[in-house]
Amino acid sequence: MGSANKPNPSNSYLKYSNLALQLLLGIGLAGWLGYTLDQYLSITFPAFMLIFGFLAFGGMLYQIYRSLNKD
């Protein structure tokens, strides 16, 4: 009866692990895409990599903020 009110520690661990994985994969994928576009366009300065990386970082932080406020 009382166990229904207790939060499961492994459940919160999985939740935060999932958020961290989403953050890393999102930024990594955006950085790789920007790097590939920079190479394709023969740009010496990594402009697209930086732009996509910062946009992905901002978007992922917003997604994490929404996810944490939902609970």
PDB file of N, CA and C in Angstrom:
ATOM      1  N   MET A   1       0.810  -1.190   0.000  1.00  0.00           N
ATOM      2  CA  MET A   1       0.000   0.000   0.000  1.00  0.00           C
ATOM      3  C   MET A   1       0.857   1.259   0.000  1.00  0.00           C
ATOM      4  N   GLY A   2       1.854   1.329   0.883  1.00  0.00           N
ATOM      5  CA  GLY A   2       2.681   2.521   0.983  1.00  0.00           C
ATOM      6  C   GLY A   2       3.690   2.635  -0.152  1.00  0.00           C
ATOM      7  N   SER A   3       3.978   1.532  -0.833  1.00  0.00           N
ATOM      8  CA  SER A   3       4.993   1.566  -1.889  1.00  0.00           C
ATOM      9  C   SER A   3       4.508   2.303  -3.134  1.00  0.00           C
ATOM     10  N   ALA A   4       3.205   2.518  -3.262  1.00  0.00           N
ATOM     11  CA  ALA A   4       2.687   3.228  -4.436  1.00  0.00           C
ATOM     12  C   ALA A   4       3.043   4.710  -4.398  1.00  0.00           C
ATOM     13  N   ASN A   5       3.273   5.251  -3.204  1.00  0.00           N
ATOM     14  CA  ASN A   5       3.590   6.670  -3.068  1.00  0.00           C
ATOM     15  C   ASN A   5       5.082   6.959  -3.164  1.00  0.00           C
ATOM     16  N   LYS A   6       5.919   5.939  -3.007  1.00  0.00           N
ATOM     17  CA  LYS A   6       7.367   6.138  -3.049  1.00  0.00           C
ATOM     18  C   LYS A   6       7.852   6.184  -4.496  1.00  0.00           C
ATOM     19  N   PRO A   7       8.692   7.178  -4.829  1.00  0.00           N
ATOM     20  CA  PRO A   7       9.269   7.180  -6.175  1.00  0.00           C
ATOM     21  C   PRO A   7      10.321   6.081  -6.293  1.00  0.00           C
ATOM     22  N   ASN A   8      10.336   5.432  -7.410  1.00  0.00           N
ATOM     23  CA  ASN A   8      11.290   4.363  -7.664  1.00  0.00           C
ATOM     24  C   ASN A   8      12.635   4.975  -8.060  1.00  0.00           C
ATOM     25  N   PRO A   9      13.723   4.708  -7.302  1.00  0.00           N
ATOM     26  CA  PRO A   9      15.019   5.332  -7.624  1.00  0.00           C
ATOM     27  C   PRO A   9      15.543   4.938  -9.001  1.00  0.00           C
ATOM     28  N   SER A  10      15.318   3.704  -9.412  1.00  0.00           N
ATOM     29  CA  SER A  10      15.813   3.295 -10.727  1.00  0.00           C
ATOM     30  C   SER A  10      15.035   3.987 -11.842  1.00  0.00           C
ATOM     31  N   ASN A  11      13.780   4.335 -11.581  1.00  0.00           N
ATOM     32  CA  ASN A  11      12.971   5.046 -12.563  1.00  0.00           C
ATOM     33  C   ASN A  11      13.526   6.446 -12.814  1.00  0.00           C
ATOM     34  N   SER A  12      13.904   7.156 -11.749  1.00  0.00           N
ATOM     35  CA  SER A  12      14.466   8.497 -11.924  1.00  0.00           C
ATOM     36  C   SER A  12      15.853   8.420 -12.550  1.00  0.00           C
ATOM     37  N   TYR A  13      16.614   7.372 -12.229  1.00  0.00           N
ATOM     38  CA  TYR A  13      17.925   7.182 -12.854  1.00  0.00           C
ATOM     39  C   TYR A  13      17.776   7.025 -14.362  1.00  0.00           C
ATOM     40  N   LEU A  14      16.823   6.227 -14.781  1.00  0.00           N
ATOM     41  CA  LEU A  14      16.586   6.030 -16.213  1.00  0.00           C
ATOM     42  C   LEU A  14      16.119   7.317 -16.881  1.00  0.00           C
ATOM     43  N   LYS A  15      15.309   8.090 -16.184  1.00  0.00           N
ATOM     44  CA  LYS A  15      14.806   9.353 -16.735  1.00  0.00           C
ATOM     45  C   LYS A  15      15.957  10.317 -17.007  1.00  0.00           C
ATOM     46  N   TYR A  16      16.839  10.490 -16.025  1.00  0.00           N
ATOM     47  CA  TYR A  16      17.942  11.438 -16.189  1.00  0.00           C
ATOM     48  C   TYR A  16      19.009  10.904 -17.138  1.00  0.00           C
ATOM     49  N   SER A  17      19.190   9.598 -17.171  1.00  0.00           N
ATOM     50  CA  SER A  17      20.118   9.012 -18.141  1.00  0.00           C
ATOM     51  C   SER A  17      19.612   9.238 -19.560  1.00  0.00           C
ATOM     52  N   ASN A  18      18.321   9.103 -19.750  1.00  0.00           N
ATOM     53  CA  ASN A  18      17.719   9.337 -21.056  1.00  0.00           C
ATOM     54  C   ASN A  18      17.888  10.793 -21.482  1.00  0.00           C
ATOM     55  N   LEU A  19      17.698  11.731 -20.554  1.00  0.00           N
ATOM     56  CA  LEU A  19      17.874  13.147 -20.876  1.00  0.00           C
ATOM     57  C   LEU A  19      19.320  13.450 -21.255  1.00  0.00           C
ATOM     58  N   ALA A  20      20.273  12.875 -20.524  1.00  0.00           N
ATOM     59  CA  ALA A  20      21.690  13.098 -20.832  1.00  0.00           C
ATOM     60  C   ALA A  20      22.045  12.512 -22.192  1.00  0.00           C
ATOM     61  N   LEU A  21      21.528  11.335 -22.488  1.00  0.00           N
ATOM     62  CA  LEU A  21      21.800  10.707 -23.778  1.00  0.00           C
ATOM     63  C   LEU A  21      21.206  11.523 -24.921  1.00  0.00           C
ATOM     64  N   GLN A  22      20.012  12.038 -24.742  1.00  0.00           N
ATOM     65  CA  GLN A  22      19.401  12.890 -25.763  1.00  0.00           C
ATOM     66  C   GLN A  22      20.226  14.145 -25.996  1.00  0.00           C
ATOM     67  N   LEU A  23      20.722  14.745 -24.925  1.00  0.00           N
ATOM     68  CA  LEU A  23      21.538  15.951 -25.037  1.00  0.00           C
ATOM     69  C   LEU A  23      22.813  15.664 -25.819  1.00  0.00           C
ATOM     70  N   LEU A  24      23.508  14.605 -25.457  1.00  0.00           N
ATOM     71  CA  LEU A  24      24.768  14.279 -26.125  1.00  0.00           C
ATOM     72  C   LEU A  24      24.565  13.894 -27.588  1.00  0.00           C
ATOM     73  N   LEU A  25      23.576  13.069 -27.845  1.00  0.00           N
ATOM     74  CA  LEU A  25      23.338  12.645 -29.225  1.00  0.00           C
ATOM     75  C   LEU A  25      22.838  13.791 -30.096  1.00  0.00           C
ATOM     76  N   GLY A  26      22.001  14.643 -29.550  1.00  0.00           N
ATOM     77  CA  GLY A  26      21.493  15.779 -30.323  1.00  0.00           C
ATOM     78  C   GLY A  26      22.591  16.748 -30.708  1.00  0.00           C
ATOM     79  N   ILE A  27      23.442  17.086 -29.749  1.00  0.00           N
ATOM     80  CA  ILE A  27      24.542  18.009 -30.033  1.00  0.00           C
ATOM     81  C   ILE A  27      25.570  17.342 -30.938  1.00  0.00           C
ATOM     82  N   GLY A  28      25.849  16.077 -30.692  1.00  0.00           N
ATOM     83  CA  GLY A  28      26.809  15.355 -31.532  1.00  0.00           C
ATOM     84  C   GLY A  28      26.345  15.240 -32.973  1.00  0.00           C
ATOM     85  N   LEU A  29      25.086  14.915 -33.167  1.00  0.00           N
ATOM     86  CA  LEU A  29      24.550  14.796 -34.525  1.00  0.00           C
ATOM     87  C   LEU A  29      24.550  16.140 -35.238  1.00  0.00           C
ATOM     88  N   ALA A  30      24.174  17.193 -34.533  1.00  0.00           N
ATOM     89  CA  ALA A  30      24.174  18.530 -35.141  1.00  0.00           C
ATOM     90  C   ALA A  30      25.593  18.975 -35.473  1.00  0.00           C
ATOM     91  N   GLY A  31      26.544  18.688 -34.589  1.00  0.00           N
ATOM     92  CA  GLY A  31      27.939  19.026 -34.856  1.00  0.00           C
ATOM     93  C   GLY A  31      28.489  18.268 -36.044  1.00  0.00           C
ATOM     94  N   TRP A  32      28.171  16.982 -36.129  1.00  0.00           N
ATOM     95  CA  TRP A  32      28.627  16.176 -37.265  1.00  0.00           C
ATOM     96  C   TRP A  32      28.005  16.674 -38.570  1.00  0.00           C
ATOM     97  N   LEU A  33      26.726  16.999 -38.536  1.00  0.00           N
ATOM     98  CA  LEU A  33      26.055  17.507 -39.727  1.00  0.00           C
ATOM     99  C   LEU A  33      26.674  18.832 -40.170  1.00  0.00           C
ATOM    100  N   GLY A  34      26.942  19.718 -39.220  1.00  0.00           N
ATOM    101  CA  GLY A  34      27.586  20.986 -39.540  1.00  0.00           C
ATOM    102  C   GLY A  34      28.985  20.790 -40.088  1.00  0.00           C
ATOM    103  N   TYR A  35      29.738  19.867 -39.497  1.00  0.00           N
ATOM    104  CA  TYR A  35      31.090  19.572 -39.972  1.00  0.00           C
ATOM    105  C   TYR A  35      31.051  19.037 -41.401  1.00  0.00           C
ATOM    106  N   THR A  36      30.121  18.131 -41.668  1.00  0.00           N
ATOM    107  CA  THR A  36      29.989  17.565 -43.009  1.00  0.00           C
ATOM    108  C   THR A  36      29.619  18.644 -44.016  1.00  0.00           C
ATOM    109  N   LEU A  37      28.732  19.534 -43.649  1.00  0.00           N
ATOM    110  CA  LEU A  37      28.347  20.630 -44.536  1.00  0.00           C
ATOM    111  C   LEU A  37      29.515  21.585 -44.764  1.00  0.00           C
ATOM    112  N   ASP A  38      30.298  21.851 -43.730  1.00  0.00           N
ATOM    113  CA  ASP A  38      31.494  22.689 -43.886  1.00  0.00           C
ATOM    114  C   ASP A  38      32.494  22.045 -44.846  1.00  0.00           C
ATOM    115  N   GLN A  39      32.674  20.746 -44.725  1.00  0.00           N
ATOM    116  CA  GLN A  39      33.592  20.040 -45.620  1.00  0.00           C
ATOM    117  C   GLN A  39      33.071  20.046 -47.054  1.00  0.00           C
ATOM    118  N   TYR A  40      31.780  19.839 -47.219  1.00  0.00           N
ATOM    119  CA  TYR A  40      31.178  19.801 -48.550  1.00  0.00           C
ATOM    120  C   TYR A  40      31.295  21.151 -49.247  1.00  0.00           C
ATOM    121  N   LEU A  41      31.121  22.229 -48.496  1.00  0.00           N
ATOM    122  CA  LEU A  41      31.198  23.572 -49.074  1.00  0.00           C
ATOM    123  C   LEU A  41      32.621  24.133 -49.064  1.00  0.00           C
ATOM    124  N   SER A  42      33.575  23.363 -48.579  1.00  0.00           N
ATOM    125  CA  SER A  42      34.997  23.749 -48.506  1.00  0.00           C
ATOM    126  C   SER A  42      35.196  25.042 -47.717  1.00  0.00           C
ATOM    127  N   ILE A  43      34.525  25.148 -46.593  1.00  0.00           N
ATOM    128  CA  ILE A  43      34.675  26.304 -45.712  1.00  0.00           C
ATOM    129  C   ILE A  43      35.761  25.966 -44.694  1.00  0.00           C
ATOM    130  N   THR A  44      36.768  26.848 -44.579  1.00  0.00           N
ATOM    131  CA  THR A  44      37.869  26.563 -43.658  1.00  0.00           C
ATOM    132  C   THR A  44      37.470  26.812 -42.205  1.00  0.00           C
ATOM    133  N   PHE A  45      36.635  27.805 -41.952  1.00  0.00           N
ATOM    134  CA  PHE A  45      36.151  28.075 -40.601  1.00  0.00           C
ATOM    135  C   PHE A  45      34.910  27.213 -40.347  1.00  0.00           C
ATOM    136  N   PRO A  46      34.818  26.528 -39.210  1.00  0.00           N
ATOM    137  CA  PRO A  46      33.673  25.625 -38.969  1.00  0.00           C
ATOM    138  C   PRO A  46      32.386  26.374 -38.611  1.00  0.00           C
ATOM    139  N   ALA A  47      31.903  27.173 -39.526  1.00  0.00           N
ATOM    140  CA  ALA A  47      30.740  28.023 -39.255  1.00  0.00           C
ATOM    141  C   ALA A  47      29.470  27.201 -39.020  1.00  0.00           C
ATOM    142  N   PHE A  48      29.176  26.282 -39.924  1.00  0.00           N
ATOM    143  CA  PHE A  48      27.941  25.500 -39.785  1.00  0.00           C
ATOM    144  C   PHE A  48      28.004  24.570 -38.577  1.00  0.00           C
ATOM    145  N   MET A  49      29.179  24.056 -38.284  1.00  0.00           N
ATOM    146  CA  MET A  49      29.319  23.196 -37.117  1.00  0.00           C
ATOM    147  C   MET A  49      29.008  23.980 -35.841  1.00  0.00           C
ATOM    148  N   LEU A  50      29.505  25.198 -35.750  1.00  0.00           N
ATOM    149  CA  LEU A  50      29.229  26.025 -34.574  1.00  0.00           C
ATOM    150  C   LEU A  50      27.761  26.435 -34.504  1.00  0.00           C
ATOM    151  N   ILE A  51      27.215  26.845 -35.639  1.00  0.00           N
ATOM    152  CA  ILE A  51      25.810  27.274 -35.668  1.00  0.00           C
ATOM    153  C   ILE A  51      24.888  26.120 -35.292  1.00  0.00           C
ATOM    154  N   PHE A  52      25.076  24.967 -35.943  1.00  0.00           N
ATOM    155  CA  PHE A  52      24.221  23.817 -35.650  1.00  0.00           C
ATOM    156  C   PHE A  52      24.425  23.327 -34.220  1.00  0.00           C
ATOM    157  N   GLY A  53      25.666  23.365 -33.741  1.00  0.00           N
ATOM    158  CA  GLY A  53      25.945  22.933 -32.370  1.00  0.00           C
ATOM    159  C   GLY A  53      25.253  23.804 -31.342  1.00  0.00           C
ATOM    160  N   PHE A  54      25.337  25.133 -31.515  1.00  0.00           N
ATOM    161  CA  PHE A  54      24.685  26.038 -30.567  1.00  0.00           C
ATOM    162  C   PHE A  54      23.163  25.950 -30.659  1.00  0.00           C
ATOM    163  N   LEU A  55      22.637  25.810 -31.865  1.00  0.00           N
ATOM    164  CA  LEU A  55      21.185  25.662 -32.003  1.00  0.00           C
ATOM    165  C   LEU A  55      20.701  24.369 -31.354  1.00  0.00           C
ATOM    166  N   ALA A  56      21.446  23.294 -31.557  1.00  0.00           N
ATOM    167  CA  ALA A  56      21.069  22.019 -30.946  1.00  0.00           C
ATOM    168  C   ALA A  56      21.166  22.102 -29.429  1.00  0.00           C
ATOM    169  N   PHE A  57      22.205  22.760 -28.929  1.00  0.00           N
ATOM    170  CA  PHE A  57      22.363  22.908 -27.484  1.00  0.00           C
ATOM    171  C   PHE A  57      21.188  23.684 -26.888  1.00  0.00           C
ATOM    172  N   GLY A  58      20.821  24.778 -27.519  1.00  0.00           N
ATOM    173  CA  GLY A  58      19.680  25.557 -27.042  1.00  0.00           C
ATOM    174  C   GLY A  58      18.387  24.773 -27.113  1.00  0.00           C
ATOM    175  N   GLY A  59      18.186  24.069 -28.212  1.00  0.00           N
ATOM    176  CA  GLY A  59      16.977  23.268 -28.358  1.00  0.00           C
ATOM    177  C   GLY A  59      16.901  22.135 -27.357  1.00  0.00           C
ATOM    178  N   MET A  60      18.029  21.497 -27.101  1.00  0.00           N
ATOM    179  CA  MET A  60      18.034  20.398 -26.146  1.00  0.00           C
ATOM    180  C   MET A  60      17.831  20.902 -24.713  1.00  0.00           C
ATOM    181  N   LEU A  61      18.407  22.060 -24.382  1.00  0.00           N
ATOM    182  CA  LEU A  61      18.165  22.621 -23.052  1.00  0.00           C
ATOM    183  C   LEU A  61      16.691  22.965 -22.864  1.00  0.00           C
ATOM    184  N   TYR A  62      16.070  23.491 -23.911  1.00  0.00           N
ATOM    185  CA  TYR A  62      14.641  23.791 -23.842  1.00  0.00           C
ATOM    186  C   TYR A  62      13.833  22.506 -23.659  1.00  0.00           C
ATOM    187  N   GLN A  63      14.210  21.461 -24.376  1.00  0.00           N
ATOM    188  CA  GLN A  63      13.508  20.190 -24.254  1.00  0.00           C
ATOM    189  C   GLN A  63      13.669  19.607 -22.846  1.00  0.00           C
ATOM    190  N   ILE A  64      14.862  19.711 -22.281  1.00  0.00           N
ATOM    191  CA  ILE A  64      15.087  19.225 -20.921  1.00  0.00           C
ATOM    192  C   ILE A  64      14.275  20.052 -19.926  1.00  0.00           C
ATOM    193  N   TYR A  65      14.247  21.358 -20.112  1.00  0.00           N
ATOM    194  CA  TYR A  65      13.465  22.241 -19.238  1.00  0.00           C
ATOM    195  C   TYR A  65      11.983  21.851 -19.262  1.00  0.00           C
ATOM    196  N   ARG A  66      11.450  21.611 -20.454  1.00  0.00           N
ATOM    197  CA  ARG A  66      10.039  21.206 -20.563  1.00  0.00           C
ATOM    198  C   ARG A  66       9.803  19.860 -19.895  1.00  0.00           C
ATOM    199  N   SER A  67      10.737  18.941 -20.095  1.00  0.00           N
ATOM    200  CA  SER A  67      10.585  17.604 -19.535  1.00  0.00           C
ATOM    201  C   SER A  67      10.641  17.626 -18.009  1.00  0.00           C
ATOM    202  N   LEU A  68      11.519  18.438 -17.447  1.00  0.00           N
ATOM    203  CA  LEU A  68      11.636  18.492 -15.988  1.00  0.00           C
ATOM    204  C   LEU A  68      10.475  19.245 -15.351  1.00  0.00           C
ATOM    205  N   ASN A  69       9.910  20.223 -16.032  1.00  0.00           N
ATOM    206  CA  ASN A  69       8.767  20.958 -15.490  1.00  0.00           C
ATOM    207  C   ASN A  69       7.471  20.170 -15.585  1.00  0.00           C
ATOM    208  N   LYS A  70       7.433  19.183 -16.461  1.00  0.00           N
ATOM    209  CA  LYS A  70       6.228  18.383 -16.647  1.00  0.00           C
ATOM    210  C   LYS A  70       5.933  17.542 -15.404  1.00  0.00           C
ATOM    211  N   ASP A  71       6.968  17.134 -14.695  1.00  0.00           N
ATOM    212  CA  ASP A  71       6.786  16.240 -13.535  1.00  0.00           C
ATOM    213  C   ASP A  71       6.549  16.968 -12.263  1.00  0.00           C
TER     214      ASP A  71
END
